[in-house]
Amino acid sequence: MMFKKILSPVLLFILIALPLKSSAQVDFKEWLAQRKGGYVLKSGLDGLAGESSTSFRVWVVNGYRFNRKVSAGLGVGFSYYNDPLSLLPLFIDFKYLFPADKISPFFFLKSGYNISLLTDTETAVNSHSGGLLLNPGLGLQFETDGKLSWQVSAGYNLDRATYFQPSTTFSSSEQEVTYKRLSLGIGLSF
């Protein structure tokens, strides 16, 4: 009997309160829109300034924005060095954004492996191989009214590769190439 006296008001309260929607409740689509997550495509052009020359890299990243701050993806690019190799970087791209209204600072890290390409055919090369890519940096993201945003960035870029030049008839010498460069870039994402 005591159980029925307690249960009846609780059931009545649940039945009355159930159809009402609290202002704090948000449906799933609204929640997802607030997170600003989803697929992101980024592309860009980086100038790689060294002591004696400047090279350029174009790149594209297919990624996922987990929330308004964090995104990650897989990227591919082309770095033109021509002494005697150029590089095809395959990398993981990580970005952490410090959200603001229209201009937001961010930190990025590109890390992966460079595939070597022989682009200087006048230099005698027996074989070649790629190496490490490491590119951390900082930037600013400029928001537009739609899903498009522009970025400018600056960072440190390290590219490695190896090639073998013939030294005598039956031997070759190994040449390790390390490009340590300042990267200045512009890009867009949508």
N, C-alpha and C. Protein backbone atom coordinates (compact mmCIF):
# COMPACT_ATOMS: atom_id res chain seq x y z
N MET A 1 0.82 -1.18 0.00
CA MET A 1 0.00 0.00 0.00
C MET A 1 0.87 1.26 0.00
N MET A 2 1.88 1.26 0.84
CA MET A 2 2.81 2.39 0.91
C MET A 2 3.52 2.56 -0.43
N PHE A 3 3.83 1.44 -1.07
CA PHE A 3 4.49 1.45 -2.36
C PHE A 3 3.63 2.15 -3.41
N LYS A 4 2.33 1.89 -3.44
CA LYS A 4 1.41 2.52 -4.39
C LYS A 4 1.30 4.01 -4.13
N LYS A 5 1.33 4.44 -2.87
CA LYS A 5 1.22 5.86 -2.55
C LYS A 5 2.45 6.63 -3.06
N ILE A 6 3.61 6.01 -3.04
CA ILE A 6 4.83 6.66 -3.51
C ILE A 6 4.92 6.56 -5.04
N LEU A 7 4.58 5.42 -5.59
CA LEU A 7 4.70 5.19 -7.02
C LEU A 7 3.73 6.05 -7.84
N SER A 8 2.52 6.24 -7.39
CA SER A 8 1.53 7.01 -8.13
C SER A 8 1.98 8.45 -8.40
N PRO A 9 2.43 9.21 -7.42
CA PRO A 9 2.88 10.58 -7.72
C PRO A 9 4.12 10.60 -8.62
N VAL A 10 5.04 9.64 -8.47
CA VAL A 10 6.24 9.58 -9.32
C VAL A 10 5.85 9.32 -10.76
N LEU A 11 4.94 8.36 -11.00
CA LEU A 11 4.47 8.07 -12.36
C LEU A 11 3.74 9.27 -12.95
N LEU A 12 2.93 9.91 -12.15
CA LEU A 12 2.21 11.09 -12.62
C LEU A 12 3.18 12.20 -13.02
N PHE A 13 4.21 12.42 -12.24
CA PHE A 13 5.22 13.43 -12.56
C PHE A 13 5.95 13.08 -13.86
N ILE A 14 6.34 11.82 -14.03
CA ILE A 14 7.05 11.38 -15.24
C ILE A 14 6.17 11.57 -16.47
N LEU A 15 4.88 11.20 -16.36
CA LEU A 15 3.99 11.35 -17.50
C LEU A 15 3.76 12.81 -17.88
N ILE A 16 3.75 13.69 -16.91
CA ILE A 16 3.56 15.12 -17.20
C ILE A 16 4.86 15.74 -17.72
N ALA A 17 5.98 15.39 -17.14
CA ALA A 17 7.25 16.01 -17.50
C ALA A 17 7.85 15.44 -18.78
N LEU A 18 7.51 14.24 -19.16
CA LEU A 18 8.10 13.58 -20.32
C LEU A 18 7.88 14.33 -21.61
N PRO A 19 6.66 14.79 -21.93
CA PRO A 19 6.48 15.50 -23.19
C PRO A 19 7.13 16.89 -23.23
N LEU A 20 7.41 17.46 -22.06
CA LEU A 20 8.00 18.79 -22.03
C LEU A 20 9.48 18.70 -22.37
N LYS A 21 9.97 19.67 -23.15
CA LYS A 21 11.37 19.68 -23.53
C LYS A 21 12.08 20.78 -22.77
N SER A 22 13.10 20.45 -22.08
CA SER A 22 13.87 21.42 -21.32
C SER A 22 14.64 22.31 -22.28
N SER A 23 14.87 23.55 -21.91
CA SER A 23 15.65 24.46 -22.75
C SER A 23 17.11 24.04 -22.82
N ALA A 24 17.57 23.24 -21.87
CA ALA A 24 18.94 22.76 -21.87
C ALA A 24 19.14 21.57 -22.80
N GLN A 25 18.05 20.93 -23.22
CA GLN A 25 18.18 19.78 -24.11
C GLN A 25 18.43 20.26 -25.53
N VAL A 26 19.29 19.54 -26.24
CA VAL A 26 19.61 19.85 -27.62
C VAL A 26 19.53 18.56 -28.41
N ASP A 27 18.87 18.58 -29.57
CA ASP A 27 18.81 17.36 -30.35
C ASP A 27 20.16 17.10 -31.02
N PHE A 28 20.32 15.92 -31.59
CA PHE A 28 21.61 15.47 -32.10
C PHE A 28 22.11 16.34 -33.26
N LYS A 29 21.24 16.74 -34.18
CA LYS A 29 21.68 17.56 -35.32
C LYS A 29 22.19 18.92 -34.86
N GLU A 30 21.51 19.53 -33.89
CA GLU A 30 21.97 20.80 -33.36
C GLU A 30 23.32 20.63 -32.65
N TRP A 31 23.46 19.55 -31.90
CA TRP A 31 24.71 19.28 -31.20
C TRP A 31 25.86 19.11 -32.19
N LEU A 32 25.62 18.36 -33.27
CA LEU A 32 26.64 18.13 -34.28
C LEU A 32 27.02 19.44 -34.97
N ALA A 33 26.04 20.29 -35.24
CA ALA A 33 26.32 21.58 -35.87
C ALA A 33 27.15 22.47 -34.95
N GLN A 34 26.91 22.41 -33.65
CA GLN A 34 27.68 23.20 -32.70
C GLN A 34 29.13 22.73 -32.62
N ARG A 35 29.35 21.44 -32.78
CA ARG A 35 30.70 20.89 -32.74
C ARG A 35 31.52 21.31 -33.95
N LYS A 36 30.85 21.59 -35.07
CA LYS A 36 31.49 21.92 -36.34
C LYS A 36 32.46 20.83 -36.75
N GLY A 37 32.06 19.59 -36.57
CA GLY A 37 32.88 18.46 -36.97
C GLY A 37 32.52 18.00 -38.36
N GLY A 38 33.29 17.06 -38.87
CA GLY A 38 33.01 16.48 -40.17
C GLY A 38 34.22 16.51 -41.08
N TYR A 39 33.99 16.11 -42.33
CA TYR A 39 35.04 16.01 -43.35
C TYR A 39 35.61 17.39 -43.65
N VAL A 40 36.92 17.44 -43.85
CA VAL A 40 37.58 18.69 -44.23
C VAL A 40 38.62 18.39 -45.31
N LEU A 41 38.66 19.25 -46.31
CA LEU A 41 39.64 19.17 -47.39
C LEU A 41 40.48 20.43 -47.31
N LYS A 42 41.81 20.25 -47.23
CA LYS A 42 42.72 21.39 -47.13
C LYS A 42 43.72 21.30 -48.27
N SER A 43 44.13 22.44 -48.79
CA SER A 43 45.19 22.49 -49.80
C SER A 43 46.02 23.73 -49.57
N GLY A 44 47.24 23.73 -50.10
CA GLY A 44 48.08 24.89 -49.87
C GLY A 44 49.35 24.88 -50.67
N LEU A 45 50.07 25.98 -50.55
CA LEU A 45 51.37 26.18 -51.18
C LEU A 45 52.31 26.72 -50.12
N ASP A 46 53.46 26.06 -49.97
CA ASP A 46 54.47 26.48 -49.00
C ASP A 46 55.74 26.89 -49.74
N GLY A 47 56.31 28.01 -49.33
CA GLY A 47 57.64 28.39 -49.76
C GLY A 47 58.61 27.86 -48.72
N LEU A 48 59.64 27.14 -49.16
CA LEU A 48 60.62 26.55 -48.25
C LEU A 48 61.93 27.30 -48.43
N ALA A 49 62.18 28.28 -47.57
CA ALA A 49 63.33 29.16 -47.71
C ALA A 49 64.55 28.57 -47.02
N GLY A 50 65.61 28.37 -47.81
CA GLY A 50 66.87 27.87 -47.27
C GLY A 50 67.94 28.95 -47.30
N GLU A 51 69.18 28.57 -47.00
CA GLU A 51 70.27 29.54 -46.97
C GLU A 51 70.58 30.08 -48.37
N SER A 52 70.55 29.21 -49.37
CA SER A 52 70.96 29.64 -50.71
C SER A 52 69.84 29.63 -51.74
N SER A 53 68.72 28.98 -51.44
CA SER A 53 67.64 28.91 -52.43
C SER A 53 66.29 28.74 -51.74
N THR A 54 65.24 28.94 -52.51
CA THR A 54 63.88 28.73 -52.04
C THR A 54 63.21 27.70 -52.93
N SER A 55 62.58 26.73 -52.32
CA SER A 55 61.83 25.70 -53.04
C SER A 55 60.36 25.85 -52.70
N PHE A 56 59.53 25.13 -53.42
CA PHE A 56 58.09 25.22 -53.19
C PHE A 56 57.48 23.83 -53.02
N ARG A 57 56.45 23.77 -52.19
CA ARG A 57 55.71 22.52 -52.00
C ARG A 57 54.23 22.82 -52.14
N VAL A 58 53.53 22.01 -52.93
CA VAL A 58 52.07 22.04 -52.99
C VAL A 58 51.59 20.80 -52.25
N TRP A 59 50.45 20.90 -51.58
CA TRP A 59 49.95 19.77 -50.79
C TRP A 59 48.43 19.79 -50.70
N VAL A 60 47.89 18.60 -50.42
CA VAL A 60 46.45 18.40 -50.23
C VAL A 60 46.28 17.45 -49.04
N VAL A 61 45.31 17.75 -48.18
CA VAL A 61 45.01 16.90 -47.02
C VAL A 61 43.52 16.56 -47.03
N ASN A 62 43.22 15.28 -46.93
CA ASN A 62 41.86 14.80 -46.69
C ASN A 62 41.78 14.43 -45.22
N GLY A 63 40.88 15.09 -44.50
CA GLY A 63 40.88 14.87 -43.07
C GLY A 63 39.50 14.92 -42.45
N TYR A 64 39.52 14.91 -41.13
CA TYR A 64 38.30 14.94 -40.35
C TYR A 64 38.47 15.95 -39.24
N ARG A 65 37.50 16.83 -39.09
CA ARG A 65 37.47 17.80 -37.99
C ARG A 65 36.66 17.16 -36.87
N PHE A 66 37.32 16.85 -35.76
CA PHE A 66 36.65 16.19 -34.64
C PHE A 66 35.75 17.12 -33.86
N ASN A 67 36.17 18.36 -33.77
CA ASN A 67 35.36 19.41 -33.14
C ASN A 67 35.90 20.73 -33.64
N ARG A 68 35.49 21.81 -33.05
CA ARG A 68 35.92 23.12 -33.54
C ARG A 68 37.42 23.34 -33.40
N LYS A 69 38.07 22.59 -32.53
CA LYS A 69 39.50 22.81 -32.25
C LYS A 69 40.44 21.83 -32.94
N VAL A 70 40.08 20.56 -33.04
CA VAL A 70 41.02 19.52 -33.46
C VAL A 70 40.63 18.91 -34.80
N SER A 71 41.62 18.81 -35.70
CA SER A 71 41.42 18.09 -36.96
C SER A 71 42.69 17.31 -37.27
N ALA A 72 42.51 16.23 -38.02
CA ALA A 72 43.64 15.39 -38.44
C ALA A 72 43.30 14.78 -39.79
N GLY A 73 44.34 14.45 -40.55
CA GLY A 73 44.08 13.86 -41.85
C GLY A 73 45.35 13.31 -42.48
N LEU A 74 45.18 12.75 -43.67
CA LEU A 74 46.28 12.21 -44.46
C LEU A 74 46.54 13.13 -45.63
N GLY A 75 47.82 13.40 -45.88
CA GLY A 75 48.16 14.35 -46.93
C GLY A 75 49.19 13.81 -47.89
N VAL A 76 49.24 14.46 -49.05
CA VAL A 76 50.23 14.17 -50.08
C VAL A 76 50.64 15.50 -50.70
N GLY A 77 51.86 15.58 -51.19
CA GLY A 77 52.32 16.83 -51.78
C GLY A 77 53.43 16.59 -52.78
N PHE A 78 54.02 17.67 -53.23
CA PHE A 78 55.18 17.62 -54.11
C PHE A 78 56.10 18.77 -53.74
N SER A 79 57.36 18.45 -53.38
CA SER A 79 58.38 19.44 -53.02
C SER A 79 59.44 19.45 -54.10
N TYR A 80 59.59 20.57 -54.79
CA TYR A 80 60.55 20.67 -55.88
C TYR A 80 61.88 21.21 -55.37
N TYR A 81 62.90 20.34 -55.32
CA TYR A 81 64.25 20.74 -54.92
C TYR A 81 65.21 20.70 -56.10
N ASN A 82 65.17 19.66 -56.93
CA ASN A 82 65.96 19.51 -58.14
C ASN A 82 67.47 19.54 -57.89
N ASP A 83 67.94 18.96 -56.82
CA ASP A 83 69.40 18.90 -56.63
C ASP A 83 69.85 17.56 -56.08
N PRO A 84 69.80 16.49 -56.74
CA PRO A 84 69.11 16.12 -57.98
C PRO A 84 67.71 15.56 -57.74
N LEU A 85 67.29 15.53 -56.47
CA LEU A 85 66.01 14.92 -56.13
C LEU A 85 64.94 15.97 -55.84
N SER A 86 63.71 15.61 -56.10
CA SER A 86 62.54 16.30 -55.57
C SER A 86 61.81 15.27 -54.72
N LEU A 87 60.88 15.70 -53.91
CA LEU A 87 60.27 14.79 -52.95
C LEU A 87 58.75 14.79 -53.05
N LEU A 88 58.19 13.62 -52.84
CA LEU A 88 56.74 13.42 -52.80
C LEU A 88 56.39 13.04 -51.36
N PRO A 89 56.00 14.01 -50.52
CA PRO A 89 55.72 13.71 -49.12
C PRO A 89 54.35 13.05 -48.92
N LEU A 90 54.32 12.01 -48.11
CA LEU A 90 53.09 11.36 -47.63
C LEU A 90 53.11 11.57 -46.12
N PHE A 91 52.06 12.21 -45.58
CA PHE A 91 52.16 12.63 -44.19
C PHE A 91 50.82 12.61 -43.48
N ILE A 92 50.92 12.63 -42.14
CA ILE A 92 49.77 12.81 -41.27
C ILE A 92 49.76 14.29 -40.88
N ASP A 93 48.61 14.92 -41.00
CA ASP A 93 48.47 16.33 -40.68
C ASP A 93 47.61 16.45 -39.42
N PHE A 94 48.11 17.17 -38.43
CA PHE A 94 47.38 17.43 -37.19
C PHE A 94 47.28 18.93 -37.01
N LYS A 95 46.11 19.41 -36.63
CA LYS A 95 45.91 20.86 -36.42
C LYS A 95 45.10 21.08 -35.16
N TYR A 96 45.57 22.02 -34.33
CA TYR A 96 44.84 22.43 -33.13
C TYR A 96 44.56 23.92 -33.25
N LEU A 97 43.28 24.27 -33.30
CA LEU A 97 42.83 25.65 -33.49
C LEU A 97 42.40 26.24 -32.16
N PHE A 98 42.77 27.51 -31.94
CA PHE A 98 42.32 28.26 -30.77
C PHE A 98 41.19 29.17 -31.26
N PRO A 99 39.93 28.69 -31.23
CA PRO A 99 38.83 29.40 -31.91
C PRO A 99 38.59 30.81 -31.39
N ALA A 100 38.35 31.70 -32.35
CA ALA A 100 37.95 33.08 -32.07
C ALA A 100 36.89 33.43 -33.10
N ASP A 101 36.48 34.68 -33.16
CA ASP A 101 35.39 35.06 -34.06
C ASP A 101 35.75 34.88 -35.53
N LYS A 102 36.61 35.71 -36.07
CA LYS A 102 36.93 35.66 -37.50
C LYS A 102 38.38 35.25 -37.77
N ILE A 103 39.30 35.54 -36.85
CA ILE A 103 40.71 35.20 -37.02
C ILE A 103 41.12 34.34 -35.82
N SER A 104 41.57 33.10 -36.11
CA SER A 104 41.92 32.17 -35.05
C SER A 104 43.35 31.67 -35.22
N PRO A 105 44.19 31.74 -34.18
CA PRO A 105 45.52 31.15 -34.27
C PRO A 105 45.45 29.63 -34.19
N PHE A 106 46.45 28.94 -34.75
CA PHE A 106 46.49 27.49 -34.67
C PHE A 106 47.92 26.98 -34.66
N PHE A 107 48.06 25.76 -34.19
CA PHE A 107 49.31 25.00 -34.21
C PHE A 107 49.11 23.85 -35.18
N PHE A 108 50.13 23.51 -35.97
CA PHE A 108 50.01 22.36 -36.86
C PHE A 108 51.27 21.51 -36.82
N LEU A 109 51.12 20.26 -37.22
CA LEU A 109 52.24 19.33 -37.33
C LEU A 109 51.98 18.42 -38.52
N LYS A 110 52.91 18.42 -39.46
CA LYS A 110 52.90 17.47 -40.57
C LYS A 110 54.09 16.55 -40.34
N SER A 111 53.84 15.25 -40.36
CA SER A 111 54.90 14.29 -40.13
C SER A 111 54.67 13.06 -41.00
N GLY A 112 55.74 12.60 -41.64
CA GLY A 112 55.57 11.43 -42.49
C GLY A 112 56.85 11.04 -43.20
N TYR A 113 56.69 10.56 -44.42
CA TYR A 113 57.80 10.01 -45.20
C TYR A 113 57.82 10.66 -46.59
N ASN A 114 59.02 11.00 -47.06
CA ASN A 114 59.21 11.55 -48.39
C ASN A 114 59.63 10.44 -49.35
N ILE A 115 58.94 10.33 -50.46
CA ILE A 115 59.36 9.45 -51.55
C ILE A 115 60.22 10.29 -52.48
N SER A 116 61.40 9.79 -52.82
CA SER A 116 62.31 10.57 -53.65
C SER A 116 62.00 10.39 -55.14
N LEU A 117 62.16 11.48 -55.88
CA LEU A 117 61.96 11.49 -57.33
C LEU A 117 63.19 12.14 -57.95
N LEU A 118 63.77 11.50 -58.95
CA LEU A 118 64.93 12.05 -59.64
C LEU A 118 64.45 13.08 -60.65
N THR A 119 64.76 14.36 -60.42
CA THR A 119 64.29 15.42 -61.32
C THR A 119 65.45 16.09 -62.06
N ASP A 120 66.68 15.91 -61.61
CA ASP A 120 67.84 16.46 -62.30
C ASP A 120 68.50 15.32 -63.08
N THR A 121 68.20 15.21 -64.35
CA THR A 121 68.70 14.08 -65.16
C THR A 121 70.15 14.26 -65.58
N GLU A 122 70.75 15.43 -65.37
CA GLU A 122 72.15 15.65 -65.73
C GLU A 122 73.11 15.09 -64.70
N THR A 123 72.66 14.89 -63.47
CA THR A 123 73.48 14.32 -62.41
C THR A 123 73.38 12.81 -62.47
N ALA A 124 74.54 12.14 -62.45
CA ALA A 124 74.56 10.67 -62.48
C ALA A 124 74.16 10.13 -61.11
N VAL A 125 73.08 9.37 -61.08
CA VAL A 125 72.59 8.79 -59.84
C VAL A 125 72.27 7.32 -60.09
N ASN A 126 72.88 6.43 -59.28
CA ASN A 126 72.60 4.99 -59.39
C ASN A 126 71.24 4.64 -58.80
N SER A 127 70.98 5.12 -57.60
CA SER A 127 69.70 4.85 -56.94
C SER A 127 69.44 5.95 -55.93
N HIS A 128 68.21 6.00 -55.44
CA HIS A 128 67.84 7.02 -54.46
C HIS A 128 66.70 6.50 -53.60
N SER A 129 66.57 7.09 -52.43
CA SER A 129 65.48 6.73 -51.52
C SER A 129 65.06 7.95 -50.73
N GLY A 130 63.88 7.90 -50.20
CA GLY A 130 63.32 9.02 -49.44
C GLY A 130 63.72 8.98 -47.99
N GLY A 131 63.00 9.75 -47.19
CA GLY A 131 63.30 9.82 -45.77
C GLY A 131 62.24 10.60 -45.02
N LEU A 132 62.59 11.03 -43.85
CA LEU A 132 61.70 11.69 -42.89
C LEU A 132 61.19 13.04 -43.39
N LEU A 133 59.95 13.35 -43.05
CA LEU A 133 59.37 14.69 -43.19
C LEU A 133 58.87 15.10 -41.81
N LEU A 134 59.26 16.29 -41.38
CA LEU A 134 58.77 16.84 -40.12
C LEU A 134 58.56 18.33 -40.32
N ASN A 135 57.34 18.81 -40.05
CA ASN A 135 57.00 20.22 -40.29
C ASN A 135 56.03 20.73 -39.22
N PRO A 136 56.57 21.22 -38.07
CA PRO A 136 55.70 21.87 -37.08
C PRO A 136 55.63 23.37 -37.35
N GLY A 137 54.55 24.01 -36.90
CA GLY A 137 54.45 25.45 -37.09
C GLY A 137 53.21 26.06 -36.48
N LEU A 138 53.07 27.36 -36.70
CA LEU A 138 51.96 28.16 -36.20
C LEU A 138 51.33 28.92 -37.35
N GLY A 139 50.07 29.31 -37.18
CA GLY A 139 49.42 30.06 -38.23
C GLY A 139 48.19 30.80 -37.75
N LEU A 140 47.56 31.48 -38.70
CA LEU A 140 46.31 32.17 -38.47
C LEU A 140 45.29 31.69 -39.49
N GLN A 141 44.07 31.45 -39.02
CA GLN A 141 42.98 31.03 -39.88
C GLN A 141 41.95 32.15 -39.96
N PHE A 142 41.56 32.49 -41.19
CA PHE A 142 40.60 33.56 -41.44
C PHE A 142 39.29 32.93 -41.91
N GLU A 143 38.25 33.09 -41.11
CA GLU A 143 36.94 32.50 -41.42
C GLU A 143 36.18 33.37 -42.42
N THR A 144 35.41 32.72 -43.29
CA THR A 144 34.51 33.43 -44.20
C THR A 144 33.09 33.10 -43.78
N ASP A 145 32.11 33.62 -44.50
CA ASP A 145 30.72 33.38 -44.14
C ASP A 145 30.30 31.93 -44.35
N GLY A 146 30.89 31.24 -45.32
CA GLY A 146 30.54 29.85 -45.58
C GLY A 146 31.47 28.91 -44.85
N LYS A 147 31.69 27.74 -45.42
CA LYS A 147 32.57 26.75 -44.81
C LYS A 147 34.03 26.95 -45.21
N LEU A 148 34.31 27.86 -46.11
CA LEU A 148 35.66 28.12 -46.59
C LEU A 148 36.43 28.95 -45.58
N SER A 149 37.69 28.61 -45.37
CA SER A 149 38.57 29.43 -44.54
C SER A 149 39.96 29.48 -45.16
N TRP A 150 40.64 30.61 -44.98
CA TRP A 150 42.00 30.82 -45.46
C TRP A 150 42.96 30.71 -44.30
N GLN A 151 44.18 30.27 -44.61
CA GLN A 151 45.21 30.16 -43.58
C GLN A 151 46.53 30.70 -44.09
N VAL A 152 47.27 31.31 -43.19
CA VAL A 152 48.68 31.65 -43.43
C VAL A 152 49.45 30.98 -42.29
N SER A 153 50.65 30.49 -42.61
CA SER A 153 51.39 29.75 -41.60
C SER A 153 52.89 29.96 -41.75
N ALA A 154 53.60 29.70 -40.69
CA ALA A 154 55.05 29.72 -40.67
C ALA A 154 55.51 28.58 -39.79
N GLY A 155 56.59 27.92 -40.20
CA GLY A 155 57.08 26.80 -39.41
C GLY A 155 58.49 26.41 -39.80
N TYR A 156 58.94 25.32 -39.25
CA TYR A 156 60.24 24.73 -39.55
C TYR A 156 59.99 23.46 -40.33
N ASN A 157 60.70 23.28 -41.44
CA ASN A 157 60.51 22.09 -42.27
C ASN A 157 61.82 21.31 -42.36
N LEU A 158 61.74 20.01 -42.13
CA LEU A 158 62.89 19.12 -42.25
C LEU A 158 62.52 18.01 -43.22
N ASP A 159 63.26 17.91 -44.33
CA ASP A 159 63.08 16.85 -45.32
C ASP A 159 64.40 16.10 -45.45
N ARG A 160 64.31 14.77 -45.53
CA ARG A 160 65.52 13.96 -45.71
C ARG A 160 65.36 13.02 -46.89
N ALA A 161 66.49 12.73 -47.55
CA ALA A 161 66.52 11.77 -48.66
C ALA A 161 67.97 11.31 -48.83
N THR A 162 68.15 10.27 -49.63
CA THR A 162 69.48 9.72 -49.89
C THR A 162 69.58 9.34 -51.36
N TYR A 163 70.76 9.58 -51.94
CA TYR A 163 71.01 9.08 -53.29
C TYR A 163 72.44 8.58 -53.39
N PHE A 164 72.69 7.72 -54.35
CA PHE A 164 74.00 7.11 -54.56
C PHE A 164 74.55 7.56 -55.90
N GLN A 165 75.75 8.18 -55.87
CA GLN A 165 76.42 8.63 -57.08
C GLN A 165 77.56 7.67 -57.40
N PRO A 166 77.76 7.39 -58.70
CA PRO A 166 78.90 6.53 -59.05
C PRO A 166 80.22 7.23 -58.72
N SER A 167 81.13 6.52 -58.02
CA SER A 167 82.43 7.11 -57.70
C SER A 167 83.54 6.44 -58.51
N THR A 168 83.43 5.14 -58.70
CA THR A 168 84.36 4.40 -59.57
C THR A 168 83.51 3.46 -60.40
N THR A 169 84.15 2.63 -61.16
CA THR A 169 83.44 1.71 -62.05
C THR A 169 82.53 0.76 -61.28
N PHE A 170 82.99 0.29 -60.13
CA PHE A 170 82.23 -0.73 -59.41
C PHE A 170 81.66 -0.26 -58.07
N SER A 171 81.75 1.01 -57.76
CA SER A 171 81.24 1.47 -56.47
C SER A 171 80.51 2.81 -56.63
N SER A 172 79.78 3.12 -55.61
CA SER A 172 79.08 4.41 -55.60
C SER A 172 79.14 4.99 -54.18
N SER A 173 79.02 6.29 -54.10
CA SER A 173 79.08 6.94 -52.79
C SER A 173 77.68 7.42 -52.39
N GLU A 174 77.40 7.25 -51.11
CA GLU A 174 76.10 7.64 -50.58
C GLU A 174 76.10 9.12 -50.25
N GLN A 175 75.06 9.81 -50.71
CA GLN A 175 74.89 11.23 -50.42
C GLN A 175 73.60 11.40 -49.64
N GLU A 176 73.70 11.77 -48.37
CA GLU A 176 72.50 12.04 -47.58
C GLU A 176 72.16 13.51 -47.72
N VAL A 177 70.90 13.78 -48.02
CA VAL A 177 70.44 15.15 -48.22
C VAL A 177 69.47 15.49 -47.10
N THR A 178 69.72 16.57 -46.41
CA THR A 178 68.81 17.07 -45.37
C THR A 178 68.51 18.53 -45.68
N TYR A 179 67.25 18.80 -45.93
CA TYR A 179 66.80 20.16 -46.19
C TYR A 179 66.18 20.70 -44.92
N LYS A 180 66.84 21.68 -44.30
CA LYS A 180 66.31 22.35 -43.11
C LYS A 180 65.89 23.73 -43.57
N ARG A 181 64.59 23.96 -43.59
CA ARG A 181 64.09 25.19 -44.18
C ARG A 181 63.00 25.83 -43.33
N LEU A 182 62.87 27.13 -43.48
CA LEU A 182 61.74 27.88 -42.92
C LEU A 182 60.59 27.72 -43.91
N SER A 183 59.43 27.32 -43.43
CA SER A 183 58.28 27.18 -44.32
C SER A 183 57.30 28.33 -44.09
N LEU A 184 56.94 28.99 -45.17
CA LEU A 184 55.93 30.05 -45.15
C LEU A 184 54.85 29.62 -46.10
N GLY A 185 53.61 29.52 -45.62
CA GLY A 185 52.57 28.95 -46.46
C GLY A 185 51.26 29.70 -46.46
N ILE A 186 50.50 29.42 -47.49
CA ILE A 186 49.13 29.92 -47.60
C ILE A 186 48.28 28.72 -48.02
N GLY A 187 47.06 28.65 -47.48
CA GLY A 187 46.21 27.52 -47.81
C GLY A 187 44.75 27.86 -47.61
N LEU A 188 43.92 26.92 -48.00
CA LEU A 188 42.49 27.07 -47.76
C LEU A 188 41.91 25.73 -47.38
N SER A 189 40.81 25.78 -46.65
CA SER A 189 40.15 24.54 -46.25
C SER A 189 38.65 24.74 -46.37
N PHE A 190 37.99 23.63 -46.70
CA PHE A 190 36.52 23.64 -46.77
C PHE A 190 36.00 22.26 -46.48
